[in-house]
Amino acid sequence: MTTSDLPRVHIATDHAGMELSAHLVRHLSDQGYEVIDHGPKAYDALDDYPAFCINAARAVVADQEAGSNALGIVLGGSGNGEQIAANKVKGVRAALAWNLSTAQLARQHNDANVVAVGGRQHSVDEATALIEAFLAEPFSDDERHIRRIGKITAYERTCEVIE
């Protein structure tokens, strides 16, 4: 994969993931990724992460709708709240990754466009490996996965379940 093939990366965090986020911005930029940091800009133990994560998720969708290759990263202590916030954005499929398999399968099977990682759950090296695995893994384009994602997308549009 050349640097021109790399996705643009939108990243956001809460206070618990700020150290990891700063590391990932540097590390991924050094790898050739264009990284856009959606905040926060300063540590605040009482910050409200939803806006940061929603803004990153919205940017991923906007880039994808414009035909650009883009993925997102949302970080927190556990990654759960950040994943929930990102998933409120229409067109986002955010997956919580806790090991290499879940990071890769999120892309392979679910075409996830945002990954959530808990900064307090992993060392910096472990979290970096999860992020790298997610960013590098392509969607399988398998018909069964396309069909299932289509059903999720249809529900998102209509609020009707398709069997």
N, C-alpha and C. Protein backbone atom coordinates (compact mmCIF):
# COMPACT_ATOMS: atom_id res chain seq x y z
N MET A 1 0.85 -1.17 0.00
CA MET A 1 0.00 0.00 0.00
C MET A 1 0.91 1.24 0.00
N THR A 2 0.73 2.13 -0.96
CA THR A 2 1.51 3.36 -0.99
C THR A 2 0.81 4.41 -0.14
N THR A 3 1.52 5.49 0.18
CA THR A 3 0.91 6.52 1.02
C THR A 3 -0.29 7.14 0.34
N SER A 4 -0.33 7.15 -0.99
CA SER A 4 -1.51 7.71 -1.67
C SER A 4 -2.72 6.79 -1.54
N ASP A 5 -2.51 5.52 -1.20
CA ASP A 5 -3.61 4.56 -1.00
C ASP A 5 -4.13 4.56 0.43
N LEU A 6 -3.40 5.20 1.33
CA LEU A 6 -3.78 5.18 2.73
C LEU A 6 -5.02 6.03 2.96
N PRO A 7 -5.90 5.58 3.84
CA PRO A 7 -7.08 6.39 4.13
C PRO A 7 -6.71 7.63 4.96
N ARG A 8 -7.49 8.68 4.79
CA ARG A 8 -7.41 9.82 5.72
C ARG A 8 -7.97 9.29 7.04
N VAL A 9 -7.38 9.68 8.14
CA VAL A 9 -7.79 9.18 9.45
C VAL A 9 -8.29 10.34 10.30
N HIS A 10 -9.52 10.21 10.77
CA HIS A 10 -10.11 11.17 11.70
C HIS A 10 -10.05 10.54 13.09
N ILE A 11 -9.53 11.29 14.07
CA ILE A 11 -9.34 10.74 15.40
C ILE A 11 -9.95 11.68 16.45
N ALA A 12 -10.52 11.09 17.48
CA ALA A 12 -11.08 11.84 18.60
C ALA A 12 -10.93 11.01 19.86
N THR A 13 -11.02 11.67 21.01
CA THR A 13 -10.82 10.97 22.26
C THR A 13 -11.55 11.68 23.39
N ASP A 14 -11.51 11.09 24.54
CA ASP A 14 -11.88 11.79 25.77
C ASP A 14 -10.58 11.99 26.55
N HIS A 15 -10.67 12.51 27.75
CA HIS A 15 -9.46 12.79 28.52
C HIS A 15 -8.64 11.52 28.78
N ALA A 16 -9.31 10.37 28.92
CA ALA A 16 -8.60 9.13 29.25
C ALA A 16 -7.76 8.61 28.09
N GLY A 17 -8.04 9.06 26.88
CA GLY A 17 -7.30 8.58 25.72
C GLY A 17 -6.34 9.60 25.13
N MET A 18 -6.15 10.73 25.80
CA MET A 18 -5.36 11.81 25.21
C MET A 18 -3.91 11.41 24.94
N GLU A 19 -3.28 10.71 25.86
CA GLU A 19 -1.90 10.28 25.64
C GLU A 19 -1.81 9.34 24.44
N LEU A 20 -2.71 8.38 24.38
CA LEU A 20 -2.74 7.44 23.27
C LEU A 20 -3.04 8.18 21.96
N SER A 21 -3.97 9.10 21.99
CA SER A 21 -4.31 9.86 20.79
C SER A 21 -3.10 10.63 20.27
N ALA A 22 -2.39 11.32 21.16
CA ALA A 22 -1.20 12.08 20.74
C ALA A 22 -0.16 11.14 20.13
N HIS A 23 0.02 9.98 20.74
CA HIS A 23 0.95 8.99 20.18
C HIS A 23 0.50 8.56 18.78
N LEU A 24 -0.79 8.24 18.63
CA LEU A 24 -1.29 7.75 17.35
C LEU A 24 -1.21 8.83 16.26
N VAL A 25 -1.49 10.06 16.61
CA VAL A 25 -1.38 11.15 15.62
C VAL A 25 0.06 11.19 15.09
N ARG A 26 1.04 11.16 15.98
CA ARG A 26 2.45 11.18 15.55
C ARG A 26 2.81 9.92 14.77
N HIS A 27 2.46 8.77 15.33
CA HIS A 27 2.83 7.49 14.72
C HIS A 27 2.22 7.33 13.33
N LEU A 28 0.94 7.57 13.22
CA LEU A 28 0.27 7.39 11.93
C LEU A 28 0.73 8.43 10.91
N SER A 29 0.97 9.65 11.35
CA SER A 29 1.51 10.68 10.45
C SER A 29 2.87 10.25 9.92
N ASP A 30 3.70 9.69 10.79
CA ASP A 30 5.02 9.20 10.38
C ASP A 30 4.90 8.04 9.39
N GLN A 31 3.78 7.30 9.45
CA GLN A 31 3.55 6.18 8.53
C GLN A 31 3.00 6.66 7.18
N GLY A 32 2.68 7.96 7.07
CA GLY A 32 2.19 8.51 5.82
C GLY A 32 0.71 8.80 5.78
N TYR A 33 0.00 8.54 6.88
CA TYR A 33 -1.43 8.84 6.95
C TYR A 33 -1.64 10.34 7.13
N GLU A 34 -2.69 10.85 6.54
CA GLU A 34 -3.15 12.20 6.86
C GLU A 34 -4.09 12.04 8.05
N VAL A 35 -3.72 12.60 9.18
CA VAL A 35 -4.49 12.43 10.41
C VAL A 35 -5.10 13.77 10.79
N ILE A 36 -6.40 13.76 11.01
CA ILE A 36 -7.11 14.96 11.43
C ILE A 36 -7.62 14.73 12.85
N ASP A 37 -7.17 15.57 13.76
CA ASP A 37 -7.47 15.44 15.18
C ASP A 37 -8.70 16.28 15.51
N HIS A 38 -9.76 15.62 15.98
CA HIS A 38 -11.01 16.30 16.31
C HIS A 38 -11.13 16.61 17.81
N GLY A 39 -10.03 16.45 18.52
CA GLY A 39 -10.00 16.91 19.90
C GLY A 39 -10.20 15.81 20.91
N PRO A 40 -10.11 16.29 22.13
CA PRO A 40 -9.97 17.65 22.61
C PRO A 40 -8.54 18.16 22.45
N LYS A 41 -8.37 19.45 22.55
CA LYS A 41 -7.05 20.07 22.39
C LYS A 41 -6.29 20.14 23.71
N ALA A 42 -7.00 20.14 24.82
CA ALA A 42 -6.36 20.24 26.13
C ALA A 42 -7.03 19.25 27.08
N TYR A 43 -6.26 18.77 28.04
CA TYR A 43 -6.77 17.81 29.01
C TYR A 43 -7.78 18.48 29.94
N ASP A 44 -8.92 17.82 30.09
CA ASP A 44 -9.95 18.25 31.03
C ASP A 44 -10.63 16.98 31.52
N ALA A 45 -10.40 16.63 32.77
CA ALA A 45 -10.96 15.38 33.32
C ALA A 45 -12.48 15.36 33.30
N LEU A 46 -13.11 16.51 33.12
CA LEU A 46 -14.57 16.58 33.08
C LEU A 46 -15.10 16.81 31.67
N ASP A 47 -14.27 16.55 30.66
CA ASP A 47 -14.72 16.80 29.29
C ASP A 47 -15.91 15.92 28.92
N ASP A 48 -16.62 16.34 27.92
CA ASP A 48 -17.74 15.58 27.38
C ASP A 48 -17.34 15.10 25.98
N TYR A 49 -16.96 13.82 25.90
CA TYR A 49 -16.42 13.24 24.68
C TYR A 49 -17.40 13.14 23.51
N PRO A 50 -18.73 13.08 23.72
CA PRO A 50 -19.59 12.83 22.56
C PRO A 50 -19.36 13.78 21.38
N ALA A 51 -19.21 15.06 21.63
CA ALA A 51 -19.03 16.00 20.52
C ALA A 51 -17.76 15.69 19.73
N PHE A 52 -16.68 15.36 20.41
CA PHE A 52 -15.43 15.05 19.71
C PHE A 52 -15.61 13.82 18.82
N CYS A 53 -16.21 12.78 19.38
CA CYS A 53 -16.39 11.52 18.64
C CYS A 53 -17.39 11.67 17.51
N ILE A 54 -18.47 12.39 17.77
CA ILE A 54 -19.47 12.62 16.72
C ILE A 54 -18.86 13.44 15.59
N ASN A 55 -18.07 14.45 15.90
CA ASN A 55 -17.44 15.25 14.85
C ASN A 55 -16.47 14.43 14.01
N ALA A 56 -15.71 13.55 14.65
CA ALA A 56 -14.81 12.68 13.89
C ALA A 56 -15.61 11.74 12.99
N ALA A 57 -16.67 11.15 13.54
CA ALA A 57 -17.51 10.23 12.76
C ALA A 57 -18.18 10.95 11.59
N ARG A 58 -18.69 12.16 11.83
CA ARG A 58 -19.29 12.94 10.75
C ARG A 58 -18.28 13.23 9.65
N ALA A 59 -17.05 13.50 10.02
CA ALA A 59 -16.01 13.78 9.03
C ALA A 59 -15.70 12.54 8.19
N VAL A 60 -15.70 11.37 8.81
CA VAL A 60 -15.49 10.12 8.07
C VAL A 60 -16.59 9.96 7.02
N VAL A 61 -17.83 10.11 7.43
CA VAL A 61 -18.96 9.95 6.51
C VAL A 61 -18.89 10.99 5.39
N ALA A 62 -18.61 12.23 5.74
CA ALA A 62 -18.52 13.29 4.72
C ALA A 62 -17.43 12.96 3.71
N ASP A 63 -16.27 12.53 4.17
CA ASP A 63 -15.19 12.15 3.25
C ASP A 63 -15.62 10.98 2.36
N GLN A 64 -16.23 9.98 2.96
CA GLN A 64 -16.64 8.81 2.17
C GLN A 64 -17.70 9.19 1.15
N GLU A 65 -18.65 10.03 1.55
CA GLU A 65 -19.69 10.47 0.61
C GLU A 65 -19.10 11.29 -0.53
N ALA A 66 -17.99 11.97 -0.28
CA ALA A 66 -17.31 12.76 -1.31
C ALA A 66 -16.38 11.89 -2.16
N GLY A 67 -16.32 10.60 -1.86
CA GLY A 67 -15.50 9.69 -2.65
C GLY A 67 -14.09 9.52 -2.14
N SER A 68 -13.80 10.05 -0.96
CA SER A 68 -12.46 9.91 -0.38
C SER A 68 -12.38 8.68 0.51
N ASN A 69 -11.21 8.11 0.57
CA ASN A 69 -10.93 6.98 1.43
C ASN A 69 -10.68 7.52 2.83
N ALA A 70 -11.53 7.22 3.78
CA ALA A 70 -11.38 7.74 5.13
C ALA A 70 -11.87 6.71 6.15
N LEU A 71 -11.20 6.71 7.29
CA LEU A 71 -11.59 5.88 8.42
C LEU A 71 -11.45 6.72 9.69
N GLY A 72 -12.03 6.23 10.79
CA GLY A 72 -11.98 6.98 12.03
C GLY A 72 -11.51 6.13 13.19
N ILE A 73 -11.01 6.84 14.20
CA ILE A 73 -10.57 6.23 15.45
C ILE A 73 -11.18 7.05 16.57
N VAL A 74 -11.86 6.38 17.52
CA VAL A 74 -12.34 7.06 18.72
C VAL A 74 -11.79 6.31 19.93
N LEU A 75 -11.30 7.08 20.88
CA LEU A 75 -10.59 6.52 22.03
C LEU A 75 -11.21 7.00 23.32
N GLY A 76 -11.13 6.18 24.33
CA GLY A 76 -11.56 6.57 25.67
C GLY A 76 -10.96 5.61 26.66
N GLY A 77 -11.45 5.64 27.88
CA GLY A 77 -10.97 4.70 28.89
C GLY A 77 -11.29 3.26 28.50
N SER A 78 -12.55 3.04 28.14
CA SER A 78 -12.98 1.71 27.69
C SER A 78 -13.24 1.65 26.19
N GLY A 79 -13.56 2.78 25.59
CA GLY A 79 -13.94 2.83 24.18
C GLY A 79 -15.43 2.65 23.97
N ASN A 80 -16.15 2.21 25.00
CA ASN A 80 -17.58 1.94 24.84
C ASN A 80 -18.40 3.19 24.55
N GLY A 81 -18.30 4.20 25.39
CA GLY A 81 -19.08 5.42 25.19
C GLY A 81 -18.74 6.09 23.87
N GLU A 82 -17.46 6.06 23.52
CA GLU A 82 -17.01 6.69 22.28
C GLU A 82 -17.58 5.95 21.07
N GLN A 83 -17.63 4.63 21.15
CA GLN A 83 -18.23 3.84 20.07
C GLN A 83 -19.72 4.15 19.97
N ILE A 84 -20.40 4.23 21.08
CA ILE A 84 -21.83 4.53 21.07
C ILE A 84 -22.08 5.90 20.44
N ALA A 85 -21.30 6.90 20.84
CA ALA A 85 -21.46 8.24 20.27
C ALA A 85 -21.24 8.23 18.76
N ALA A 86 -20.16 7.60 18.31
CA ALA A 86 -19.87 7.55 16.87
C ALA A 86 -20.98 6.84 16.11
N ASN A 87 -21.54 5.79 16.69
CA ASN A 87 -22.59 5.02 16.01
C ASN A 87 -23.91 5.78 15.87
N LYS A 88 -24.05 6.91 16.52
CA LYS A 88 -25.25 7.72 16.36
C LYS A 88 -25.24 8.51 15.05
N VAL A 89 -24.09 8.56 14.39
CA VAL A 89 -23.96 9.28 13.12
C VAL A 89 -24.40 8.36 11.99
N LYS A 90 -25.37 8.82 11.22
CA LYS A 90 -25.88 8.04 10.09
C LYS A 90 -24.72 7.72 9.14
N GLY A 91 -24.58 6.44 8.83
CA GLY A 91 -23.53 6.00 7.91
C GLY A 91 -22.29 5.47 8.60
N VAL A 92 -22.25 5.56 9.92
CA VAL A 92 -21.10 5.06 10.66
C VAL A 92 -21.37 3.65 11.14
N ARG A 93 -20.35 2.83 11.01
CA ARG A 93 -20.35 1.50 11.60
C ARG A 93 -19.08 1.44 12.46
N ALA A 94 -19.24 1.80 13.73
CA ALA A 94 -18.10 1.83 14.66
C ALA A 94 -18.04 0.52 15.42
N ALA A 95 -16.86 -0.03 15.52
CA ALA A 95 -16.65 -1.32 16.19
C ALA A 95 -15.63 -1.16 17.30
N LEU A 96 -15.92 -1.75 18.45
CA LEU A 96 -14.98 -1.78 19.56
C LEU A 96 -14.00 -2.92 19.32
N ALA A 97 -12.71 -2.60 19.26
CA ALA A 97 -11.68 -3.62 19.05
C ALA A 97 -10.94 -3.85 20.35
N TRP A 98 -10.83 -5.11 20.74
CA TRP A 98 -10.11 -5.43 21.96
C TRP A 98 -8.99 -6.44 21.73
N ASN A 99 -8.90 -6.97 20.52
CA ASN A 99 -7.76 -7.81 20.14
C ASN A 99 -7.60 -7.72 18.62
N LEU A 100 -6.55 -8.31 18.09
CA LEU A 100 -6.28 -8.19 16.65
C LEU A 100 -7.41 -8.76 15.81
N SER A 101 -7.98 -9.87 16.26
CA SER A 101 -9.05 -10.50 15.50
C SER A 101 -10.27 -9.58 15.38
N THR A 102 -10.67 -8.96 16.49
CA THR A 102 -11.85 -8.08 16.42
C THR A 102 -11.57 -6.84 15.58
N ALA A 103 -10.35 -6.36 15.59
CA ALA A 103 -9.98 -5.21 14.75
C ALA A 103 -10.05 -5.58 13.27
N GLN A 104 -9.52 -6.74 12.92
CA GLN A 104 -9.53 -7.17 11.52
C GLN A 104 -10.93 -7.56 11.05
N LEU A 105 -11.67 -8.29 11.89
CA LEU A 105 -13.02 -8.72 11.49
C LEU A 105 -13.98 -7.54 11.35
N ALA A 106 -13.75 -6.49 12.12
CA ALA A 106 -14.59 -5.29 11.98
C ALA A 106 -14.52 -4.76 10.55
N ARG A 107 -13.35 -4.79 9.96
CA ARG A 107 -13.19 -4.34 8.58
C ARG A 107 -13.63 -5.43 7.60
N GLN A 108 -13.13 -6.66 7.78
CA GLN A 108 -13.41 -7.76 6.84
C GLN A 108 -14.89 -8.03 6.68
N HIS A 109 -15.61 -8.16 7.78
CA HIS A 109 -17.00 -8.62 7.76
C HIS A 109 -18.02 -7.49 7.85
N ASN A 110 -17.68 -6.42 8.54
CA ASN A 110 -18.65 -5.36 8.81
C ASN A 110 -18.37 -4.07 8.07
N ASP A 111 -17.26 -4.02 7.35
CA ASP A 111 -16.83 -2.79 6.67
C ASP A 111 -16.93 -1.61 7.63
N ALA A 112 -16.52 -1.84 8.88
CA ALA A 112 -16.55 -0.77 9.88
C ALA A 112 -15.70 0.38 9.38
N ASN A 113 -16.19 1.60 9.59
CA ASN A 113 -15.43 2.76 9.15
C ASN A 113 -14.88 3.56 10.32
N VAL A 114 -15.18 3.14 11.53
CA VAL A 114 -14.62 3.75 12.74
C VAL A 114 -14.28 2.62 13.71
N VAL A 115 -13.13 2.73 14.35
CA VAL A 115 -12.73 1.77 15.37
C VAL A 115 -12.67 2.49 16.71
N ALA A 116 -13.15 1.83 17.75
CA ALA A 116 -13.07 2.34 19.11
C ALA A 116 -12.10 1.45 19.88
N VAL A 117 -11.25 2.11 20.67
CA VAL A 117 -10.28 1.38 21.48
C VAL A 117 -10.25 2.01 22.87
N GLY A 118 -10.18 1.17 23.88
CA GLY A 118 -10.07 1.65 25.25
C GLY A 118 -8.62 1.87 25.64
N GLY A 119 -8.26 3.12 25.84
CA GLY A 119 -6.89 3.45 26.18
C GLY A 119 -6.44 2.90 27.53
N ARG A 120 -7.38 2.68 28.43
CA ARG A 120 -7.03 2.13 29.74
C ARG A 120 -7.04 0.60 29.73
N GLN A 121 -7.36 0.01 28.61
CA GLN A 121 -7.47 -1.44 28.50
C GLN A 121 -6.24 -2.08 27.87
N HIS A 122 -5.38 -1.25 27.25
CA HIS A 122 -4.24 -1.77 26.48
C HIS A 122 -3.02 -0.90 26.71
N SER A 123 -1.86 -1.50 26.53
CA SER A 123 -0.64 -0.71 26.50
C SER A 123 -0.64 0.11 25.21
N VAL A 124 0.22 1.09 25.13
CA VAL A 124 0.32 1.90 23.90
C VAL A 124 0.68 1.00 22.72
N ASP A 125 1.59 0.06 22.92
CA ASP A 125 1.98 -0.85 21.82
C ASP A 125 0.82 -1.73 21.38
N GLU A 126 0.06 -2.26 22.34
CA GLU A 126 -1.10 -3.10 21.99
C GLU A 126 -2.14 -2.28 21.23
N ALA A 127 -2.46 -1.10 21.73
CA ALA A 127 -3.46 -0.26 21.08
C ALA A 127 -3.01 0.15 19.68
N THR A 128 -1.74 0.46 19.53
CA THR A 128 -1.20 0.82 18.21
C THR A 128 -1.35 -0.35 17.25
N ALA A 129 -1.07 -1.55 17.71
CA ALA A 129 -1.21 -2.74 16.85
C ALA A 129 -2.67 -2.94 16.43
N LEU A 130 -3.62 -2.71 17.35
CA LEU A 130 -5.04 -2.83 17.01
C LEU A 130 -5.42 -1.83 15.93
N ILE A 131 -4.99 -0.59 16.10
CA ILE A 131 -5.31 0.47 15.14
C ILE A 131 -4.68 0.15 13.78
N GLU A 132 -3.43 -0.25 13.78
CA GLU A 132 -2.76 -0.59 12.52
C GLU A 132 -3.47 -1.74 11.80
N ALA A 133 -3.88 -2.75 12.57
CA ALA A 133 -4.59 -3.88 11.97
C ALA A 133 -5.91 -3.43 11.35
N PHE A 134 -6.65 -2.59 12.06
CA PHE A 134 -7.92 -2.07 11.55
C PHE A 134 -7.70 -1.28 10.26
N LEU A 135 -6.75 -0.37 10.28
CA LEU A 135 -6.53 0.50 9.12
C LEU A 135 -6.04 -0.28 7.89
N ALA A 136 -5.30 -1.35 8.11
CA ALA A 136 -4.71 -2.11 7.00
C ALA A 136 -5.67 -3.13 6.40
N GLU A 137 -6.68 -3.54 7.15
CA GLU A 137 -7.55 -4.64 6.72
C GLU A 137 -8.60 -4.15 5.73
N PRO A 138 -8.70 -4.78 4.57
CA PRO A 138 -9.76 -4.41 3.62
C PRO A 138 -11.08 -5.12 3.93
N PHE A 139 -12.16 -4.57 3.42
CA PHE A 139 -13.45 -5.24 3.47
C PHE A 139 -13.40 -6.42 2.51
N SER A 140 -14.03 -7.53 2.89
CA SER A 140 -13.95 -8.75 2.09
C SER A 140 -14.74 -8.69 0.79
N ASP A 141 -15.74 -7.83 0.72
CA ASP A 141 -16.66 -7.76 -0.42
C ASP A 141 -17.45 -9.06 -0.61
N ASP A 142 -17.49 -9.89 0.41
CA ASP A 142 -18.25 -11.13 0.38
C ASP A 142 -19.74 -10.78 0.34
N GLU A 143 -20.48 -11.47 -0.50
CA GLU A 143 -21.91 -11.17 -0.72
C GLU A 143 -22.71 -11.22 0.57
N ARG A 144 -22.44 -12.18 1.43
CA ARG A 144 -23.23 -12.29 2.67
C ARG A 144 -23.00 -11.08 3.57
N HIS A 145 -21.79 -10.55 3.58
CA HIS A 145 -21.50 -9.37 4.40
C HIS A 145 -22.12 -8.12 3.78
N ILE A 146 -22.07 -8.03 2.47
CA ILE A 146 -22.72 -6.91 1.77
C ILE A 146 -24.22 -6.92 2.06
N ARG A 147 -24.83 -8.10 2.01
CA ARG A 147 -26.27 -8.24 2.27
C ARG A 147 -26.60 -7.80 3.70
N ARG A 148 -25.82 -8.23 4.65
CA ARG A 148 -26.09 -7.90 6.06
C ARG A 148 -25.90 -6.41 6.33
N ILE A 149 -24.85 -5.83 5.78
CA ILE A 149 -24.63 -4.39 5.93
C ILE A 149 -25.78 -3.62 5.28
N GLY A 150 -26.25 -4.12 4.14
CA GLY A 150 -27.40 -3.50 3.47
C GLY A 150 -28.63 -3.49 4.36
N LYS A 151 -28.86 -4.55 5.10
CA LYS A 151 -30.01 -4.61 6.00
C LYS A 151 -29.86 -3.61 7.16
N ILE A 152 -28.66 -3.46 7.65
CA ILE A 152 -28.41 -2.48 8.71
C ILE A 152 -28.65 -1.07 8.17
N THR A 153 -28.12 -0.80 6.99
CA THR A 153 -28.28 0.51 6.37
C THR A 153 -29.75 0.80 6.07
N ALA A 154 -30.48 -0.20 5.60
CA ALA A 154 -31.91 -0.01 5.33
C ALA A 154 -32.66 0.33 6.61
N TYR A 155 -32.35 -0.35 7.70
CA TYR A 155 -32.99 -0.04 8.97
C TYR A 155 -32.68 1.40 9.40
N GLU A 156 -31.44 1.79 9.21
CA GLU A 156 -31.02 3.15 9.57
C GLU A 156 -31.85 4.19 8.82
N ARG A 157 -32.22 3.89 7.57
CA ARG A 157 -33.02 4.81 6.75
C ARG A 157 -34.51 4.75 7.09
N THR A 158 -35.03 3.54 7.33
CA THR A 158 -36.49 3.36 7.40
C THR A 158 -37.01 2.98 8.77
N CYS A 159 -36.15 2.51 9.65
CA CYS A 159 -36.54 1.98 10.97
C CYS A 159 -37.41 0.74 10.83
N GLU A 160 -37.29 0.04 9.73
CA GLU A 160 -38.00 -1.22 9.50
C GLU A 160 -36.99 -2.35 9.41
N VAL A 161 -37.29 -3.44 10.11
CA VAL A 161 -36.39 -4.60 10.12
C VAL A 161 -36.63 -5.43 8.88
N ILE A 162 -35.56 -5.80 8.20
CA ILE A 162 -35.65 -6.67 7.04
C ILE A 162 -35.13 -8.04 7.47
N GLU A 163 -35.98 -9.05 7.33
CA GLU A 163 -35.58 -10.41 7.73
C GLU A 163 -34.54 -10.97 6.78
